[in-house]
Amino acid sequence: MAAPGQSHYDVLGVRPGVGARELRRAYLEAARRWHPDAGGDAESMRRLNQAWSVLGDPHRRRVYDLSLELSPGGPAQHAASDMSSTSAGQGFGHGRFDTELDADLWADLADDRPLATPTDRARVFTLVPVVVFGGSVAAAGAGVVLASTRLIGLAGMLAFLSAVFMVAMPFLELARSRRR
């Protein structure tokens, strides 16, 4: 992680709007300089790798730039719109961040929690294929023990019905979520 008061851009020694090529070049030069095998400092190399793991990935870089903009000290001195020439700057359809959204919404989007939690009905609905398949296994076992072709046939039908539910459930859930 970067030292207190130091951004990942500072660790790499680049300005925030730098393109992907320049960012990679800066990382490689710093890695040659700070690698412990080349006489560098292990802690500096660790910070450098942390900065690269964030800034080297376009999605993580967008989220990081957003967090810099929403930091308690106010807007960052750099604008994420400088990144519009790189693939990392391709955000939300305009080649730059849509900063018109309020800070609460951006903070909600930046964390890892789901936006909505499933209802109890949705949780029970997901168990239907599992319960039907369990019934098919029980019917098959009873059919074998009792030598009943009807129970074995019922097991086959329940297994088929379970497979149909497994295929149909994502589509039903998608339709249900669009109705909300």
N, C-alpha and C. Protein backbone atom coordinates (compact mmCIF):
# COMPACT_ATOMS: atom_id res chain seq x y z
N MET A 1 0.83 -1.16 0.00
CA MET A 1 0.00 0.00 0.00
C MET A 1 0.88 1.23 0.00
N ALA A 2 0.40 2.31 -0.56
CA ALA A 2 1.17 3.55 -0.62
C ALA A 2 1.35 4.11 0.78
N ALA A 3 2.44 4.84 0.96
CA ALA A 3 2.70 5.47 2.25
C ALA A 3 1.61 6.51 2.50
N PRO A 4 1.36 6.87 3.79
CA PRO A 4 0.33 7.85 4.08
C PRO A 4 0.57 9.15 3.32
N GLY A 5 -0.51 9.66 2.70
CA GLY A 5 -0.41 10.90 1.94
C GLY A 5 0.18 10.71 0.55
N GLN A 6 0.43 9.47 0.16
CA GLN A 6 1.04 9.19 -1.13
C GLN A 6 0.08 8.32 -1.95
N SER A 7 -0.26 8.77 -3.14
CA SER A 7 -1.16 7.98 -3.99
C SER A 7 -0.35 6.93 -4.75
N HIS A 8 -1.05 6.02 -5.38
CA HIS A 8 -0.38 5.01 -6.20
C HIS A 8 0.34 5.68 -7.37
N TYR A 9 -0.21 6.80 -7.85
CA TYR A 9 0.46 7.53 -8.92
C TYR A 9 1.80 8.09 -8.43
N ASP A 10 1.82 8.57 -7.18
CA ASP A 10 3.06 9.09 -6.61
C ASP A 10 4.11 7.98 -6.49
N VAL A 11 3.65 6.78 -6.10
CA VAL A 11 4.57 5.65 -5.95
C VAL A 11 5.24 5.34 -7.29
N LEU A 12 4.46 5.39 -8.37
CA LEU A 12 5.01 5.11 -9.70
C LEU A 12 5.70 6.32 -10.31
N GLY A 13 5.50 7.49 -9.72
CA GLY A 13 6.15 8.69 -10.23
C GLY A 13 5.55 9.21 -11.53
N VAL A 14 4.25 9.08 -11.69
CA VAL A 14 3.56 9.55 -12.89
C VAL A 14 2.40 10.45 -12.50
N ARG A 15 1.91 11.22 -13.48
CA ARG A 15 0.74 12.04 -13.23
C ARG A 15 -0.50 11.16 -13.41
N PRO A 16 -1.62 11.51 -12.81
CA PRO A 16 -2.81 10.65 -12.85
C PRO A 16 -3.37 10.38 -14.24
N GLY A 17 -3.28 11.29 -15.18
CA GLY A 17 -3.88 11.08 -16.48
C GLY A 17 -3.01 10.33 -17.47
N VAL A 18 -1.93 9.75 -17.04
CA VAL A 18 -0.98 9.09 -17.93
C VAL A 18 -1.63 7.88 -18.61
N GLY A 19 -1.20 7.62 -19.83
CA GLY A 19 -1.72 6.49 -20.59
C GLY A 19 -1.19 5.16 -20.09
N ALA A 20 -1.77 4.09 -20.58
CA ALA A 20 -1.41 2.74 -20.13
C ALA A 20 0.04 2.40 -20.45
N ARG A 21 0.52 2.80 -21.63
CA ARG A 21 1.92 2.51 -22.00
C ARG A 21 2.90 3.21 -21.08
N GLU A 22 2.66 4.51 -20.85
CA GLU A 22 3.57 5.27 -19.99
C GLU A 22 3.54 4.73 -18.56
N LEU A 23 2.34 4.31 -18.13
CA LEU A 23 2.21 3.75 -16.79
C LEU A 23 3.03 2.46 -16.66
N ARG A 24 2.94 1.60 -17.66
CA ARG A 24 3.70 0.35 -17.64
C ARG A 24 5.20 0.63 -17.67
N ARG A 25 5.61 1.58 -18.51
CA ARG A 25 7.03 1.93 -18.60
C ARG A 25 7.53 2.44 -17.25
N ALA A 26 6.73 3.29 -16.59
CA ALA A 26 7.14 3.81 -15.29
C ALA A 26 7.25 2.69 -14.26
N TYR A 27 6.33 1.72 -14.32
CA TYR A 27 6.39 0.59 -13.40
C TYR A 27 7.67 -0.22 -13.62
N LEU A 28 7.98 -0.52 -14.88
CA LEU A 28 9.16 -1.33 -15.17
C LEU A 28 10.45 -0.63 -14.74
N GLU A 29 10.52 0.68 -15.00
CA GLU A 29 11.71 1.43 -14.58
C GLU A 29 11.85 1.44 -13.06
N ALA A 30 10.74 1.66 -12.37
CA ALA A 30 10.78 1.67 -10.90
C ALA A 30 11.09 0.29 -10.35
N ALA A 31 10.57 -0.75 -11.01
CA ALA A 31 10.84 -2.12 -10.55
C ALA A 31 12.32 -2.46 -10.68
N ARG A 32 12.93 -2.01 -11.76
CA ARG A 32 14.38 -2.24 -11.91
C ARG A 32 15.16 -1.51 -10.83
N ARG A 33 14.69 -0.35 -10.46
CA ARG A 33 15.39 0.46 -9.47
C ARG A 33 15.16 -0.08 -8.05
N TRP A 34 13.93 -0.50 -7.71
CA TRP A 34 13.61 -0.85 -6.33
C TRP A 34 13.60 -2.33 -6.02
N HIS A 35 13.83 -3.18 -7.02
CA HIS A 35 13.81 -4.62 -6.76
C HIS A 35 14.92 -4.98 -5.78
N PRO A 36 14.61 -5.81 -4.77
CA PRO A 36 15.62 -6.17 -3.77
C PRO A 36 16.86 -6.85 -4.36
N ASP A 37 16.70 -7.59 -5.45
CA ASP A 37 17.86 -8.24 -6.07
C ASP A 37 18.79 -7.24 -6.75
N ALA A 38 18.27 -6.05 -7.01
CA ALA A 38 19.07 -5.01 -7.65
C ALA A 38 19.56 -3.99 -6.62
N GLY A 39 19.45 -4.35 -5.36
CA GLY A 39 19.91 -3.46 -4.28
C GLY A 39 18.84 -2.51 -3.78
N GLY A 40 17.59 -2.74 -4.16
CA GLY A 40 16.50 -1.87 -3.73
C GLY A 40 15.92 -2.28 -2.39
N ASP A 41 14.93 -1.57 -2.00
CA ASP A 41 14.26 -1.75 -0.71
C ASP A 41 13.03 -2.64 -0.90
N ALA A 42 12.89 -3.67 -0.06
CA ALA A 42 11.76 -4.60 -0.18
C ALA A 42 10.43 -3.90 0.07
N GLU A 43 10.37 -2.98 1.03
CA GLU A 43 9.12 -2.27 1.31
C GLU A 43 8.72 -1.38 0.14
N SER A 44 9.68 -0.72 -0.48
CA SER A 44 9.39 0.10 -1.66
C SER A 44 8.88 -0.77 -2.80
N MET A 45 9.45 -1.93 -2.97
CA MET A 45 9.01 -2.84 -4.02
C MET A 45 7.59 -3.33 -3.74
N ARG A 46 7.28 -3.57 -2.49
CA ARG A 46 5.94 -4.00 -2.10
C ARG A 46 4.92 -2.90 -2.43
N ARG A 47 5.25 -1.65 -2.11
CA ARG A 47 4.36 -0.53 -2.43
C ARG A 47 4.22 -0.38 -3.94
N LEU A 48 5.31 -0.57 -4.66
CA LEU A 48 5.28 -0.46 -6.11
C LEU A 48 4.37 -1.53 -6.72
N ASN A 49 4.48 -2.76 -6.25
CA ASN A 49 3.64 -3.84 -6.76
C ASN A 49 2.17 -3.60 -6.42
N GLN A 50 1.90 -3.06 -5.23
CA GLN A 50 0.52 -2.74 -4.86
C GLN A 50 -0.03 -1.66 -5.79
N ALA A 51 0.76 -0.64 -6.07
CA ALA A 51 0.31 0.44 -6.97
C ALA A 51 0.06 -0.13 -8.37
N TRP A 52 0.93 -0.99 -8.85
CA TRP A 52 0.75 -1.56 -10.19
C TRP A 52 -0.47 -2.47 -10.24
N SER A 53 -0.72 -3.23 -9.16
CA SER A 53 -1.88 -4.12 -9.18
C SER A 53 -3.18 -3.34 -9.28
N VAL A 54 -3.20 -2.11 -8.78
CA VAL A 54 -4.40 -1.28 -8.89
C VAL A 54 -4.42 -0.53 -10.21
N LEU A 55 -3.33 0.14 -10.54
CA LEU A 55 -3.33 1.00 -11.73
C LEU A 55 -3.15 0.23 -13.03
N GLY A 56 -2.61 -0.97 -12.98
CA GLY A 56 -2.41 -1.76 -14.18
C GLY A 56 -3.68 -2.40 -14.69
N ASP A 57 -4.72 -2.47 -13.89
CA ASP A 57 -6.00 -3.05 -14.28
C ASP A 57 -6.98 -1.90 -14.55
N PRO A 58 -7.52 -1.79 -15.76
CA PRO A 58 -8.38 -0.64 -16.09
C PRO A 58 -9.58 -0.46 -15.15
N HIS A 59 -10.22 -1.56 -14.78
CA HIS A 59 -11.38 -1.43 -13.89
C HIS A 59 -10.96 -0.95 -12.50
N ARG A 60 -9.93 -1.58 -11.94
CA ARG A 60 -9.48 -1.17 -10.61
C ARG A 60 -8.95 0.26 -10.64
N ARG A 61 -8.36 0.66 -11.75
CA ARG A 61 -7.86 2.04 -11.86
C ARG A 61 -9.01 3.04 -11.84
N ARG A 62 -10.11 2.72 -12.54
CA ARG A 62 -11.27 3.61 -12.53
C ARG A 62 -11.83 3.75 -11.12
N VAL A 63 -11.95 2.62 -10.41
CA VAL A 63 -12.47 2.66 -9.05
C VAL A 63 -11.53 3.46 -8.14
N TYR A 64 -10.22 3.26 -8.32
CA TYR A 64 -9.25 4.00 -7.51
C TYR A 64 -9.32 5.49 -7.79
N ASP A 65 -9.40 5.87 -9.08
CA ASP A 65 -9.52 7.28 -9.41
C ASP A 65 -10.78 7.88 -8.82
N LEU A 66 -11.85 7.12 -8.84
CA LEU A 66 -13.10 7.57 -8.24
C LEU A 66 -12.93 7.77 -6.74
N SER A 67 -12.22 6.86 -6.08
CA SER A 67 -12.01 7.01 -4.64
C SER A 67 -11.17 8.23 -4.33
N LEU A 68 -10.24 8.57 -5.22
CA LEU A 68 -9.45 9.79 -5.03
C LEU A 68 -10.33 11.03 -5.15
N GLU A 69 -11.28 10.98 -6.09
CA GLU A 69 -12.18 12.12 -6.28
C GLU A 69 -13.11 12.30 -5.09
N LEU A 70 -13.49 11.19 -4.45
CA LEU A 70 -14.43 11.25 -3.35
C LEU A 70 -13.75 11.30 -1.99
N SER A 71 -12.43 11.45 -1.96
CA SER A 71 -11.71 11.46 -0.69
C SER A 71 -12.17 12.64 0.16
N PRO A 72 -12.08 12.52 1.50
CA PRO A 72 -12.57 13.56 2.40
C PRO A 72 -11.95 14.93 2.17
N GLY A 73 -10.76 14.99 1.62
CA GLY A 73 -10.10 16.26 1.38
C GLY A 73 -10.67 17.01 0.19
N GLY A 74 -11.73 16.53 -0.39
CA GLY A 74 -12.32 17.18 -1.55
C GLY A 74 -11.87 16.51 -2.82
N PRO A 75 -12.17 17.11 -3.95
CA PRO A 75 -11.79 16.51 -5.22
C PRO A 75 -10.28 16.42 -5.33
N ALA A 76 -9.82 15.37 -5.96
CA ALA A 76 -8.38 15.21 -6.14
C ALA A 76 -7.88 16.28 -7.11
N GLN A 77 -6.60 16.58 -7.07
CA GLN A 77 -6.05 17.61 -7.93
C GLN A 77 -5.99 17.17 -9.38
N HIS A 78 -6.16 15.90 -9.60
CA HIS A 78 -6.13 15.40 -10.96
C HIS A 78 -7.53 15.02 -11.38
N ALA A 79 -7.79 15.09 -12.66
CA ALA A 79 -9.10 14.73 -13.17
C ALA A 79 -9.02 13.40 -13.88
N ALA A 80 -10.00 12.56 -13.65
CA ALA A 80 -10.03 11.27 -14.32
C ALA A 80 -10.30 11.46 -15.80
N SER A 81 -10.82 12.61 -16.20
CA SER A 81 -11.10 12.83 -17.60
C SER A 81 -9.83 12.88 -18.44
N ASP A 82 -8.67 13.10 -17.83
CA ASP A 82 -7.41 13.08 -18.56
C ASP A 82 -7.13 11.71 -19.14
N MET A 83 -7.80 10.70 -18.63
CA MET A 83 -7.54 9.33 -19.04
C MET A 83 -8.35 8.95 -20.27
N SER A 84 -9.09 9.86 -20.89
CA SER A 84 -9.99 9.50 -21.97
C SER A 84 -9.28 8.91 -23.18
N SER A 85 -7.98 9.12 -23.32
CA SER A 85 -7.26 8.57 -24.47
C SER A 85 -6.83 7.13 -24.25
N THR A 86 -7.03 6.59 -23.07
CA THR A 86 -6.59 5.22 -22.80
C THR A 86 -7.79 4.33 -22.63
N SER A 87 -7.55 3.02 -22.68
CA SER A 87 -8.64 2.09 -22.46
C SER A 87 -9.13 2.18 -21.03
N ALA A 88 -8.29 2.59 -20.10
CA ALA A 88 -8.72 2.73 -18.72
C ALA A 88 -9.71 3.85 -18.56
N GLY A 89 -9.74 4.78 -19.47
CA GLY A 89 -10.65 5.91 -19.35
C GLY A 89 -12.00 5.67 -19.97
N GLN A 90 -12.24 4.51 -20.50
CA GLN A 90 -13.52 4.25 -21.13
C GLN A 90 -14.54 3.91 -20.05
N GLY A 91 -15.11 4.88 -19.47
CA GLY A 91 -16.08 4.64 -18.41
C GLY A 91 -17.46 5.07 -18.83
N PHE A 92 -18.46 4.41 -18.52
CA PHE A 92 -19.86 4.79 -18.55
C PHE A 92 -20.30 5.51 -19.81
N GLY A 93 -19.72 5.21 -20.95
CA GLY A 93 -20.23 5.66 -22.22
C GLY A 93 -19.74 7.01 -22.71
N HIS A 94 -18.97 7.74 -21.97
CA HIS A 94 -18.54 9.05 -22.41
C HIS A 94 -17.03 9.19 -22.47
N GLY A 95 -16.26 8.12 -22.23
CA GLY A 95 -14.81 8.19 -22.26
C GLY A 95 -14.25 8.84 -21.02
N ARG A 96 -15.08 9.15 -20.06
CA ARG A 96 -14.64 9.73 -18.79
C ARG A 96 -15.69 9.42 -17.74
N PHE A 97 -15.40 9.74 -16.49
CA PHE A 97 -16.34 9.45 -15.43
C PHE A 97 -17.54 10.36 -15.50
N ASP A 98 -18.68 9.82 -15.18
CA ASP A 98 -19.88 10.62 -15.09
C ASP A 98 -19.96 11.14 -13.66
N THR A 99 -19.39 12.28 -13.40
CA THR A 99 -19.30 12.81 -12.05
C THR A 99 -20.55 13.56 -11.63
N GLU A 100 -21.59 13.49 -12.47
CA GLU A 100 -22.85 14.14 -12.11
C GLU A 100 -23.58 13.38 -11.01
N LEU A 101 -23.26 12.10 -10.84
CA LEU A 101 -23.91 11.32 -9.79
C LEU A 101 -23.41 11.77 -8.43
N ASP A 102 -24.27 11.66 -7.43
CA ASP A 102 -23.86 12.13 -6.11
C ASP A 102 -22.88 11.16 -5.45
N ALA A 103 -22.19 11.66 -4.45
CA ALA A 103 -21.12 10.89 -3.80
C ALA A 103 -21.66 9.63 -3.13
N ASP A 104 -22.87 9.65 -2.59
CA ASP A 104 -23.43 8.47 -1.93
C ASP A 104 -23.63 7.33 -2.92
N LEU A 105 -24.10 7.65 -4.13
CA LEU A 105 -24.29 6.61 -5.12
C LEU A 105 -22.96 6.02 -5.56
N TRP A 106 -21.96 6.87 -5.79
CA TRP A 106 -20.64 6.36 -6.18
C TRP A 106 -20.05 5.50 -5.08
N ALA A 107 -20.22 5.91 -3.82
CA ALA A 107 -19.68 5.12 -2.71
C ALA A 107 -20.39 3.77 -2.65
N ASP A 108 -21.69 3.75 -2.94
CA ASP A 108 -22.44 2.50 -2.94
C ASP A 108 -21.97 1.59 -4.06
N LEU A 109 -21.65 2.16 -5.21
CA LEU A 109 -21.18 1.36 -6.33
C LEU A 109 -19.75 0.86 -6.13
N ALA A 110 -18.95 1.57 -5.37
CA ALA A 110 -17.54 1.23 -5.21
C ALA A 110 -17.32 0.08 -4.23
N ASP A 111 -18.26 -0.17 -3.32
CA ASP A 111 -18.03 -1.24 -2.35
C ASP A 111 -18.44 -2.59 -2.94
N ASP A 112 -18.19 -3.67 -2.20
CA ASP A 112 -18.44 -5.01 -2.69
C ASP A 112 -19.80 -5.58 -2.31
N ARG A 113 -20.59 -4.81 -1.55
CA ARG A 113 -21.88 -5.32 -1.12
C ARG A 113 -22.88 -5.30 -2.28
N PRO A 114 -23.81 -6.26 -2.32
CA PRO A 114 -24.81 -6.24 -3.38
C PRO A 114 -25.75 -5.05 -3.19
N LEU A 115 -26.29 -4.54 -4.30
CA LEU A 115 -27.20 -3.41 -4.21
C LEU A 115 -28.53 -3.80 -3.60
N ALA A 116 -28.94 -5.03 -3.79
CA ALA A 116 -30.20 -5.50 -3.21
C ALA A 116 -29.98 -6.90 -2.67
N THR A 117 -30.64 -7.20 -1.58
CA THR A 117 -30.54 -8.54 -1.01
C THR A 117 -31.74 -9.34 -1.45
N PRO A 118 -31.56 -10.63 -1.68
CA PRO A 118 -32.68 -11.45 -2.14
C PRO A 118 -33.73 -11.59 -1.05
N THR A 119 -34.98 -11.70 -1.47
CA THR A 119 -36.07 -11.89 -0.52
C THR A 119 -36.13 -13.35 -0.11
N ASP A 120 -36.91 -13.64 0.93
CA ASP A 120 -37.06 -15.02 1.36
C ASP A 120 -37.70 -15.86 0.26
N ARG A 121 -38.63 -15.27 -0.49
CA ARG A 121 -39.29 -15.99 -1.57
C ARG A 121 -38.26 -16.38 -2.63
N ALA A 122 -37.34 -15.48 -2.95
CA ALA A 122 -36.32 -15.77 -3.95
C ALA A 122 -35.38 -16.86 -3.45
N ARG A 123 -35.08 -16.87 -2.18
CA ARG A 123 -34.19 -17.90 -1.62
C ARG A 123 -34.86 -19.28 -1.70
N VAL A 124 -36.15 -19.35 -1.38
CA VAL A 124 -36.88 -20.61 -1.45
C VAL A 124 -36.98 -21.06 -2.90
N PHE A 125 -37.21 -20.12 -3.81
CA PHE A 125 -37.34 -20.44 -5.23
C PHE A 125 -36.07 -21.10 -5.76
N THR A 126 -34.92 -20.71 -5.26
CA THR A 126 -33.67 -21.31 -5.73
C THR A 126 -33.50 -22.75 -5.25
N LEU A 127 -34.24 -23.16 -4.23
CA LEU A 127 -34.13 -24.52 -3.72
C LEU A 127 -35.00 -25.52 -4.48
N VAL A 128 -35.93 -25.03 -5.29
CA VAL A 128 -36.86 -25.93 -5.98
C VAL A 128 -36.14 -26.99 -6.81
N PRO A 129 -35.17 -26.64 -7.66
CA PRO A 129 -34.51 -27.70 -8.44
C PRO A 129 -33.78 -28.71 -7.57
N VAL A 130 -33.21 -28.25 -6.48
CA VAL A 130 -32.47 -29.15 -5.60
C VAL A 130 -33.44 -30.13 -4.92
N VAL A 131 -34.57 -29.63 -4.46
CA VAL A 131 -35.56 -30.48 -3.80
C VAL A 131 -36.14 -31.48 -4.79
N VAL A 132 -36.45 -31.04 -6.01
CA VAL A 132 -37.00 -31.95 -7.02
C VAL A 132 -35.97 -33.02 -7.37
N PHE A 133 -34.70 -32.63 -7.49
CA PHE A 133 -33.67 -33.62 -7.79
C PHE A 133 -33.52 -34.61 -6.63
N GLY A 134 -33.59 -34.11 -5.41
CA GLY A 134 -33.55 -35.00 -4.25
C GLY A 134 -34.70 -36.00 -4.26
N GLY A 135 -35.88 -35.52 -4.67
CA GLY A 135 -37.03 -36.42 -4.80
C GLY A 135 -36.80 -37.48 -5.85
N SER A 136 -36.12 -37.10 -6.94
CA SER A 136 -35.85 -38.08 -7.99
C SER A 136 -34.88 -39.15 -7.51
N VAL A 137 -33.89 -38.74 -6.72
CA VAL A 137 -32.94 -39.71 -6.17
C VAL A 137 -33.65 -40.65 -5.19
N ALA A 138 -34.53 -40.08 -4.35
CA ALA A 138 -35.27 -40.91 -3.39
C ALA A 138 -36.20 -41.88 -4.12
N ALA A 139 -36.87 -41.39 -5.17
CA ALA A 139 -37.77 -42.27 -5.93
C ALA A 139 -36.98 -43.37 -6.64
N ALA A 140 -35.80 -43.03 -7.16
CA ALA A 140 -34.98 -44.05 -7.82
C ALA A 140 -34.53 -45.11 -6.82
N GLY A 141 -34.11 -44.66 -5.65
CA GLY A 141 -33.69 -45.61 -4.63
C GLY A 141 -34.83 -46.52 -4.19
N ALA A 142 -36.00 -45.92 -3.97
CA ALA A 142 -37.16 -46.73 -3.58
C ALA A 142 -37.57 -47.65 -4.71
N GLY A 143 -37.47 -47.19 -5.96
CA GLY A 143 -37.83 -48.04 -7.10
C GLY A 143 -36.92 -49.23 -7.23
N VAL A 144 -35.63 -49.04 -6.96
CA VAL A 144 -34.69 -50.16 -7.04
C VAL A 144 -34.95 -51.15 -5.91
N VAL A 145 -35.14 -50.61 -4.68
CA VAL A 145 -35.36 -51.49 -3.52
C VAL A 145 -36.66 -52.27 -3.67
N LEU A 146 -37.72 -51.59 -4.14
CA LEU A 146 -39.03 -52.24 -4.26
C LEU A 146 -39.24 -52.90 -5.62
N ALA A 147 -38.26 -52.77 -6.52
CA ALA A 147 -38.35 -53.32 -7.87
C ALA A 147 -39.59 -52.79 -8.58
N SER A 148 -39.81 -51.49 -8.45
CA SER A 148 -41.00 -50.86 -9.03
C SER A 148 -40.58 -50.01 -10.22
N THR A 149 -41.07 -50.41 -11.41
CA THR A 149 -40.76 -49.62 -12.59
C THR A 149 -41.46 -48.27 -12.57
N ARG A 150 -42.60 -48.19 -11.88
CA ARG A 150 -43.31 -46.91 -11.79
C ARG A 150 -42.49 -45.89 -11.00
N LEU A 151 -41.88 -46.31 -9.90
CA LEU A 151 -41.05 -45.40 -9.11
C LEU A 151 -39.80 -44.99 -9.88
N ILE A 152 -39.22 -45.91 -10.63
CA ILE A 152 -38.05 -45.58 -11.43
C ILE A 152 -38.44 -44.59 -12.54
N GLY A 153 -39.59 -44.78 -13.14
CA GLY A 153 -40.10 -43.83 -14.13
C GLY A 153 -40.36 -42.46 -13.52
N LEU A 154 -40.93 -42.46 -12.30
CA LEU A 154 -41.16 -41.20 -11.59
C LEU A 154 -39.83 -40.51 -11.31
N ALA A 155 -38.82 -41.29 -10.96
CA ALA A 155 -37.49 -40.72 -10.71
C ALA A 155 -36.95 -40.07 -11.97
N GLY A 156 -37.13 -40.70 -13.11
CA GLY A 156 -36.67 -40.13 -14.37
C GLY A 156 -37.39 -38.83 -14.69
N MET A 157 -38.71 -38.81 -14.48
CA MET A 157 -39.48 -37.58 -14.74
C MET A 157 -39.05 -36.46 -13.79
N LEU A 158 -38.83 -36.79 -12.52
CA LEU A 158 -38.39 -35.77 -11.56
C LEU A 158 -37.00 -35.24 -11.90
N ALA A 159 -36.12 -36.11 -12.37
CA ALA A 159 -34.78 -35.67 -12.77
C ALA A 159 -34.88 -34.73 -13.97
N PHE A 160 -35.74 -35.07 -14.93
CA PHE A 160 -35.94 -34.20 -16.09
C PHE A 160 -36.53 -32.85 -15.66
N LEU A 161 -37.51 -32.88 -14.78
CA LEU A 161 -38.13 -31.65 -14.28
C LEU A 161 -37.10 -30.80 -13.53
N SER A 162 -36.23 -31.44 -12.78
CA SER A 162 -35.17 -30.72 -12.07
C SER A 162 -34.24 -30.02 -13.06
N ALA A 163 -33.89 -30.70 -14.13
CA ALA A 163 -33.02 -30.10 -15.15
C ALA A 163 -33.71 -28.91 -15.82
N VAL A 164 -35.00 -29.03 -16.09
CA VAL A 164 -35.76 -27.93 -16.68
C VAL A 164 -35.76 -26.73 -15.73
N PHE A 165 -35.97 -26.97 -14.45
CA PHE A 165 -35.94 -25.87 -13.48
C PHE A 165 -34.56 -25.21 -13.43
N MET A 166 -33.50 -26.02 -13.48
CA MET A 166 -32.14 -25.46 -13.43
C MET A 166 -31.87 -24.56 -14.63
N VAL A 167 -32.38 -24.93 -15.80
CA VAL A 167 -32.17 -24.12 -17.00
C VAL A 167 -33.07 -22.88 -16.97
N ALA A 168 -34.30 -23.03 -16.53
CA ALA A 168 -35.27 -21.93 -16.58
C ALA A 168 -35.09 -20.91 -15.48
N MET A 169 -34.53 -21.30 -14.35
CA MET A 169 -34.45 -20.38 -13.20
C MET A 169 -33.73 -19.07 -13.49
N PRO A 170 -32.57 -19.06 -14.14
CA PRO A 170 -31.92 -17.77 -14.40
C PRO A 170 -32.79 -16.83 -15.24
N PHE A 171 -33.53 -17.41 -16.22
CA PHE A 171 -34.40 -16.58 -17.05
C PHE A 171 -35.58 -16.04 -16.25
N LEU A 172 -36.14 -16.88 -15.39
CA LEU A 172 -37.25 -16.43 -14.55
C LEU A 172 -36.80 -15.35 -13.56
N GLU A 173 -35.62 -15.52 -13.00
CA GLU A 173 -35.09 -14.53 -12.06
C GLU A 173 -34.80 -13.21 -12.77
N LEU A 174 -34.29 -13.27 -13.98
CA LEU A 174 -34.03 -12.07 -14.76
C LEU A 174 -35.34 -11.34 -15.06
N ALA A 175 -36.35 -12.07 -15.46
CA ALA A 175 -37.66 -11.46 -15.74
C ALA A 175 -38.24 -10.84 -14.48
N ARG A 176 -38.09 -11.52 -13.36
CA ARG A 176 -38.62 -11.01 -12.10
C ARG A 176 -37.89 -9.73 -11.66
N SER A 177 -36.56 -9.71 -11.87
CA SER A 177 -35.80 -8.53 -11.46
C SER A 177 -36.10 -7.34 -12.35
N ARG A 178 -36.46 -7.56 -13.59
CA ARG A 178 -36.81 -6.45 -14.49
C ARG A 178 -38.17 -5.85 -14.17
N ARG A 179 -39.04 -6.64 -13.54
CA ARG A 179 -40.36 -6.12 -13.17
C ARG A 179 -40.28 -5.15 -12.01
N ARG A 180 -39.21 -5.24 -11.21
CA ARG A 180 -39.10 -4.37 -10.04
C ARG A 180 -38.84 -2.96 -10.42
